[in-house]
C-alpha cells in the first residue's frame, strides 16, 4: 500500500524537483568529440591550427553558445509568464581565457577569465517591464548562474530596441 503524503503548496515548493537529462559522447582519439542528445548529434572540435580538424566549434565556444541559448529560452519563458511582448533577441558574445591553464600551468585557471554578452531585445514594452523580465531571466538561467558561480567576470548587457 502506498503512503499518502499531503502537503500545502508552500511545503511542496520547498521540495526539490529533480529532472534528469542524459547524453552520450564519443572521441576517436583526436580532438573532435561527437555528442549525441536524444534526437540530435553535435560535434565539438578544435581549429586545425590547434591540432583539431575544424569539424565544429570548440567546447568553450559551445559553452558560450549554450549561455546565449539558455538566456533566450529563459527569457522566453519568463516573458510569457510576465506577459511581456517581444519579437526576438540577437546576441553578441565573447570570452577571454589564459591558455596557460589549459596548457598545464598549475595555478592558472583553465576556464573563462571573462565573458561579455550583449543581448538586443526587440520590443515596444516599457523600460520597467523590460528590466523586470531581464532581472528575472538572469536569476533563473542555469548556464548564466553556472558561469557566475565559477567566479568568471561576467558582463551581460540587455539592450531594448524598438520594433521596426
C-alpha atoms as a PDB file:
ATOM      1  CA  UNK A   1       0.000   0.000   0.000  1.00  0.00           C
ATOM      2  CA  UNK A   2       1.363   3.430  -0.979  1.00  0.00           C
ATOM      3  CA  UNK A   3       1.828   6.143   1.596  1.00  0.00           C
ATOM      4  CA  UNK A   4      -0.430   9.134   1.066  1.00  0.00           C
ATOM      5  CA  UNK A   5       1.520  12.323   1.566  1.00  0.00           C
ATOM      6  CA  UNK A   6      -0.454  15.503   1.986  1.00  0.00           C
ATOM      7  CA  UNK A   7       1.287  18.864   1.920  1.00  0.00           C
ATOM      8  CA  UNK A   8       0.498  22.509   1.314  1.00  0.00           C
ATOM      9  CA  UNK A   9       1.666  24.399  -1.782  1.00  0.00           C
ATOM     10  CA  UNK A  10       4.285  26.157   0.361  1.00  0.00           C
ATOM     11  CA  UNK A  11       5.624  22.819   1.619  1.00  0.00           C
ATOM     12  CA  UNK A  12       5.707  21.447  -1.928  1.00  0.00           C
ATOM     13  CA  UNK A  13       7.681  24.487  -3.116  1.00  0.00           C
ATOM     14  CA  UNK A  14      10.444  23.595  -0.652  1.00  0.00           C
ATOM     15  CA  UNK A  15      10.865  20.091  -2.088  1.00  0.00           C
ATOM     16  CA  UNK A  16      13.442  19.590  -4.861  1.00  0.00           C
ATOM     17  CA  UNK A  17      12.028  18.848  -8.318  1.00  0.00           C
ATOM     18  CA  UNK A  18      14.864  16.938  -9.907  1.00  0.00           C
ATOM     19  CA  UNK A  19      14.860  16.330 -13.662  1.00  0.00           C
ATOM     20  CA  UNK A  20      17.424  14.015 -15.215  1.00  0.00           C
ATOM     21  CA  UNK A  21      18.823  14.544 -18.712  1.00  0.00           C
ATOM     22  CA  UNK A  22      21.239  12.264 -20.492  1.00  0.00           C
ATOM     23  CA  UNK A  23      23.595  12.287 -23.475  1.00  0.00           C
ATOM     24  CA  UNK A  24      26.443  10.224 -24.851  1.00  0.00           C
ATOM     25  CA  UNK A  25      29.714  11.335 -26.410  1.00  0.00           C
ATOM     26  CA  UNK A  26      32.478   9.712 -28.440  1.00  0.00           C
ATOM     27  CA  UNK A  27      36.019  10.791 -29.255  1.00  0.00           C
ATOM     28  CA  UNK A  28      38.014   8.605 -31.664  1.00  0.00           C
ATOM     29  CA  UNK A  29      41.406   9.638 -30.308  1.00  0.00           C
ATOM     30  CA  UNK A  30      41.668  13.037 -31.981  1.00  0.00           C
ATOM     31  CA  UNK A  31      40.333  16.320 -30.649  1.00  0.00           C
ATOM     32  CA  UNK A  32      36.832  16.072 -32.152  1.00  0.00           C
ATOM     33  CA  UNK A  33      34.052  14.769 -29.913  1.00  0.00           C
ATOM     34  CA  UNK A  34      30.608  13.904 -31.223  1.00  0.00           C
ATOM     35  CA  UNK A  35      27.876  14.386 -28.658  1.00  0.00           C
ATOM     36  CA  UNK A  36      24.536  12.626 -29.089  1.00  0.00           C
ATOM     37  CA  UNK A  37      21.466  14.080 -27.427  1.00  0.00           C
ATOM     38  CA  UNK A  38      18.220  12.087 -27.720  1.00  0.00           C
ATOM     39  CA  UNK A  39      17.319  13.351 -31.222  1.00  0.00           C
ATOM     40  CA  UNK A  40      20.358  15.453 -32.144  1.00  0.00           C
ATOM     41  CA  UNK A  41      24.064  14.994 -32.768  1.00  0.00           C
ATOM     42  CA  UNK A  42      26.667  17.724 -32.484  1.00  0.00           C
ATOM     43  CA  UNK A  43      30.445  17.766 -32.909  1.00  0.00           C
ATOM     44  CA  UNK A  44      32.892  19.872 -30.930  1.00  0.00           C
ATOM     45  CA  UNK A  45      36.457  20.197 -32.180  1.00  0.00           C
ATOM     46  CA  UNK A  46      39.489  22.442 -32.198  1.00  0.00           C
ATOM     47  CA  UNK A  47      40.688  24.513 -35.144  1.00  0.00           C
ATOM     48  CA  UNK A  48      43.256  22.849 -37.400  1.00  0.00           C
ATOM     49  CA  UNK A  49      45.810  25.439 -36.223  1.00  0.00           C
ATOM     50  CA  UNK A  50      45.469  23.917 -32.731  1.00  0.00           C
ATOM     51  CA  UNK A  51      45.627  20.271 -33.823  1.00  0.00           C
ATOM     52  CA  UNK A  52      41.918  19.741 -34.494  1.00  0.00           C
ATOM     53  CA  UNK A  53      40.013  19.063 -37.704  1.00  0.00           C
ATOM     54  CA  UNK A  54      37.592  22.041 -37.672  1.00  0.00           C
ATOM     55  CA  UNK A  55      34.502  19.821 -37.517  1.00  0.00           C
ATOM     56  CA  UNK A  56      32.719  22.162 -35.131  1.00  0.00           C
ATOM     57  CA  UNK A  57      33.096  24.870 -32.515  1.00  0.00           C
ATOM     58  CA  UNK A  58      35.490  24.459 -29.619  1.00  0.00           C
ATOM     59  CA  UNK A  59      33.992  23.249 -26.339  1.00  0.00           C
ATOM     60  CA  UNK A  60      34.352  26.738 -24.830  1.00  0.00           C
ATOM     61  CA  UNK A  61      32.579  28.269 -27.830  1.00  0.00           C
ATOM     62  CA  UNK A  62      29.893  25.656 -27.204  1.00  0.00           C
ATOM     63  CA  UNK A  63      29.545  26.837 -23.599  1.00  0.00           C
ATOM     64  CA  UNK A  64      29.231  30.440 -24.769  1.00  0.00           C
ATOM     65  CA  UNK A  65      26.617  29.383 -27.339  1.00  0.00           C
ATOM     66  CA  UNK A  66      24.789  27.434 -24.633  1.00  0.00           C
ATOM     67  CA  UNK A  67      24.772  30.584 -22.487  1.00  0.00           C
ATOM     68  CA  UNK A  68      23.081  32.601 -25.237  1.00  0.00           C
ATOM     69  CA  UNK A  69      20.610  29.804 -25.993  1.00  0.00           C
ATOM     70  CA  UNK A  70      19.788  29.286 -22.312  1.00  0.00           C
ATOM     71  CA  UNK A  71      19.246  33.016 -21.826  1.00  0.00           C
ATOM     72  CA  UNK A  72      16.937  33.037 -24.866  1.00  0.00           C
ATOM     73  CA  UNK A  73      14.894  30.089 -23.555  1.00  0.00           C
ATOM     74  CA  UNK A  74      14.740  31.507 -20.045  1.00  0.00           C
ATOM     75  CA  UNK A  75      13.816  34.959 -21.348  1.00  0.00           C
ATOM     76  CA  UNK A  76      11.056  33.437 -23.479  1.00  0.00           C
ATOM     77  CA  UNK A  77       9.534  31.534 -20.579  1.00  0.00           C
ATOM     78  CA  UNK A  78       9.828  34.499 -18.244  1.00  0.00           C
ATOM     79  CA  UNK A  79       8.403  36.928 -20.804  1.00  0.00           C
ATOM     80  CA  UNK A  80       5.423  34.634 -21.327  1.00  0.00           C
ATOM     81  CA  UNK A  81       4.794  34.432 -17.570  1.00  0.00           C
ATOM     82  CA  UNK A  82       5.125  38.212 -17.188  1.00  0.00           C
ATOM     83  CA  UNK A  83       3.039  38.982 -20.315  1.00  0.00           C
ATOM     84  CA  UNK A  84       5.982  40.767 -21.940  1.00  0.00           C
ATOM     85  CA  UNK A  85       5.798  41.012 -25.747  1.00  0.00           C
ATOM     86  CA  UNK A  86       8.959  40.874 -27.837  1.00  0.00           C
ATOM     87  CA  UNK A  87       9.917  39.943 -31.396  1.00  0.00           C
ATOM     88  CA  UNK A  88      13.315  38.350 -30.819  1.00  0.00           C
ATOM     89  CA  UNK A  89      16.763  38.556 -29.283  1.00  0.00           C
ATOM     90  CA  UNK A  90      20.101  38.949 -31.062  1.00  0.00           C
ATOM     91  CA  UNK A  91      23.226  38.046 -29.091  1.00  0.00           C
ATOM     92  CA  UNK A  92      26.863  39.045 -29.464  1.00  0.00           C
ATOM     93  CA  UNK A  93      29.213  37.236 -27.086  1.00  0.00           C
ATOM     94  CA  UNK A  94      32.907  36.823 -26.438  1.00  0.00           C
ATOM     95  CA  UNK A  95      35.220  35.352 -23.827  1.00  0.00           C
ATOM     96  CA  UNK A  96      38.825  35.585 -22.760  1.00  0.00           C
ATOM     97  CA  UNK A  97      40.947  32.727 -21.491  1.00  0.00           C
ATOM     98  CA  UNK A  98      44.539  32.469 -20.275  1.00  0.00           C
ATOM     99  CA  UNK A  99      45.650  29.460 -22.328  1.00  0.00           C
ATOM    100  CA  UNK A 100      48.482  28.697 -19.913  1.00  0.00           C
ATOM    101  CA  UNK A 101      45.888  26.941 -17.716  1.00  0.00           C
ATOM    102  CA  UNK A 102      44.744  24.522 -20.396  1.00  0.00           C
ATOM    103  CA  UNK A 103      48.395  24.026 -21.351  1.00  0.00           C
ATOM    104  CA  UNK A 104      49.118  22.632 -17.885  1.00  0.00           C
ATOM    105  CA  UNK A 105      50.438  25.600 -15.904  1.00  0.00           C
ATOM    106  CA  UNK A 106      49.176  24.935 -12.379  1.00  0.00           C
ATOM    107  CA  UNK A 107      47.597  27.864 -10.604  1.00  0.00           C
ATOM    108  CA  UNK A 108      46.259  29.381 -13.841  1.00  0.00           C
ATOM    109  CA  UNK A 109      42.504  28.948 -14.208  1.00  0.00           C
ATOM    110  CA  UNK A 110      41.842  26.847 -17.342  1.00  0.00           C
ATOM    111  CA  UNK A 111      38.329  28.188 -17.985  1.00  0.00           C
ATOM    112  CA  UNK A 112      36.936  31.595 -18.933  1.00  0.00           C
ATOM    113  CA  UNK A 113      38.506  34.628 -17.304  1.00  0.00           C
ATOM    114  CA  UNK A 114      35.843  36.951 -18.668  1.00  0.00           C
ATOM    115  CA  UNK A 115      32.583  36.616 -20.567  1.00  0.00           C
ATOM    116  CA  UNK A 116      30.850  39.550 -22.228  1.00  0.00           C
ATOM    117  CA  UNK A 117      27.380  39.287 -23.756  1.00  0.00           C
ATOM    118  CA  UNK A 118      25.120  41.865 -25.355  1.00  0.00           C
ATOM    119  CA  UNK A 119      21.508  40.833 -25.863  1.00  0.00           C
ATOM    120  CA  UNK A 120      19.454  43.045 -28.181  1.00  0.00           C
ATOM    121  CA  UNK A 121      15.754  42.514 -27.472  1.00  0.00           C
ATOM    122  CA  UNK A 122      13.259  43.851 -29.993  1.00  0.00           C
ATOM    123  CA  UNK A 123      10.241  45.096 -28.059  1.00  0.00           C
ATOM    124  CA  UNK A 124       7.967  48.087 -27.608  1.00  0.00           C
ATOM    125  CA  UNK A 125       7.254  47.286 -23.944  1.00  0.00           C
ATOM    126  CA  UNK A 126       8.155  49.924 -21.345  1.00  0.00           C
ATOM    127  CA  UNK A 127      11.558  50.053 -19.662  1.00  0.00           C
ATOM    128  CA  UNK A 128      10.297  48.954 -16.230  1.00  0.00           C
ATOM    129  CA  UNK A 129       8.747  45.786 -17.667  1.00  0.00           C
ATOM    130  CA  UNK A 130      11.914  45.120 -19.665  1.00  0.00           C
ATOM    131  CA  UNK A 131      14.074  45.500 -16.569  1.00  0.00           C
ATOM    132  CA  UNK A 132      11.801  43.156 -14.592  1.00  0.00           C
ATOM    133  CA  UNK A 133      11.969  40.432 -17.270  1.00  0.00           C
ATOM    134  CA  UNK A 134      15.749  40.668 -17.652  1.00  0.00           C
ATOM    135  CA  UNK A 135      16.358  40.567 -13.885  1.00  0.00           C
ATOM    136  CA  UNK A 136      14.137  37.512 -13.504  1.00  0.00           C
ATOM    137  CA  UNK A 137      15.775  35.868 -16.527  1.00  0.00           C
ATOM    138  CA  UNK A 138      19.233  36.281 -15.022  1.00  0.00           C
ATOM    139  CA  UNK A 139      18.070  34.902 -11.682  1.00  0.00           C
ATOM    140  CA  UNK A 140      16.642  31.780 -13.371  1.00  0.00           C
ATOM    141  CA  UNK A 141      19.124  30.966 -16.141  1.00  0.00           C
ATOM    142  CA  UNK A 142      21.067  27.787 -15.244  1.00  0.00           C
ATOM    143  CA  UNK A 143      24.029  28.393 -17.578  1.00  0.00           C
ATOM    144  CA  UNK A 144      24.437  32.046 -16.573  1.00  0.00           C
ATOM    145  CA  UNK A 145      24.460  31.098 -12.911  1.00  0.00           C
ATOM    146  CA  UNK A 146      26.874  28.222 -13.517  1.00  0.00           C
ATOM    147  CA  UNK A 147      29.330  30.667 -15.105  1.00  0.00           C
ATOM    148  CA  UNK A 148      28.838  33.237 -12.338  1.00  0.00           C
ATOM    149  CA  UNK A 149      29.296  30.570  -9.653  1.00  0.00           C
ATOM    150  CA  UNK A 150      32.620  29.609 -11.286  1.00  0.00           C
ATOM    151  CA  UNK A 151      33.876  33.106 -10.449  1.00  0.00           C
ATOM    152  CA  UNK A 152      34.080  34.271 -14.059  1.00  0.00           C
ATOM    153  CA  UNK A 153      33.957  38.032 -14.548  1.00  0.00           C
ATOM    154  CA  UNK A 154      30.678  38.376 -16.399  1.00  0.00           C
ATOM    155  CA  UNK A 155      29.355  41.435 -18.187  1.00  0.00           C
ATOM    156  CA  UNK A 156      25.846  40.903 -19.512  1.00  0.00           C
ATOM    157  CA  UNK A 157      24.170  43.892 -21.164  1.00  0.00           C
ATOM    158  CA  UNK A 158      20.488  43.838 -22.097  1.00  0.00           C
ATOM    159  CA  UNK A 159      19.557  46.407 -24.734  1.00  0.00           C
ATOM    160  CA  UNK A 160      15.969  47.077 -25.774  1.00  0.00           C
ATOM    161  CA  UNK A 161      15.372  48.211 -29.328  1.00  0.00           C
ATOM    162  CA  UNK A 162      12.036  49.250 -30.768  1.00  0.00           C
ATOM    163  CA  UNK A 163      10.268  47.168 -33.373  1.00  0.00           C
ATOM    164  CA  UNK A 164      10.503  48.480 -36.901  1.00  0.00           C
END
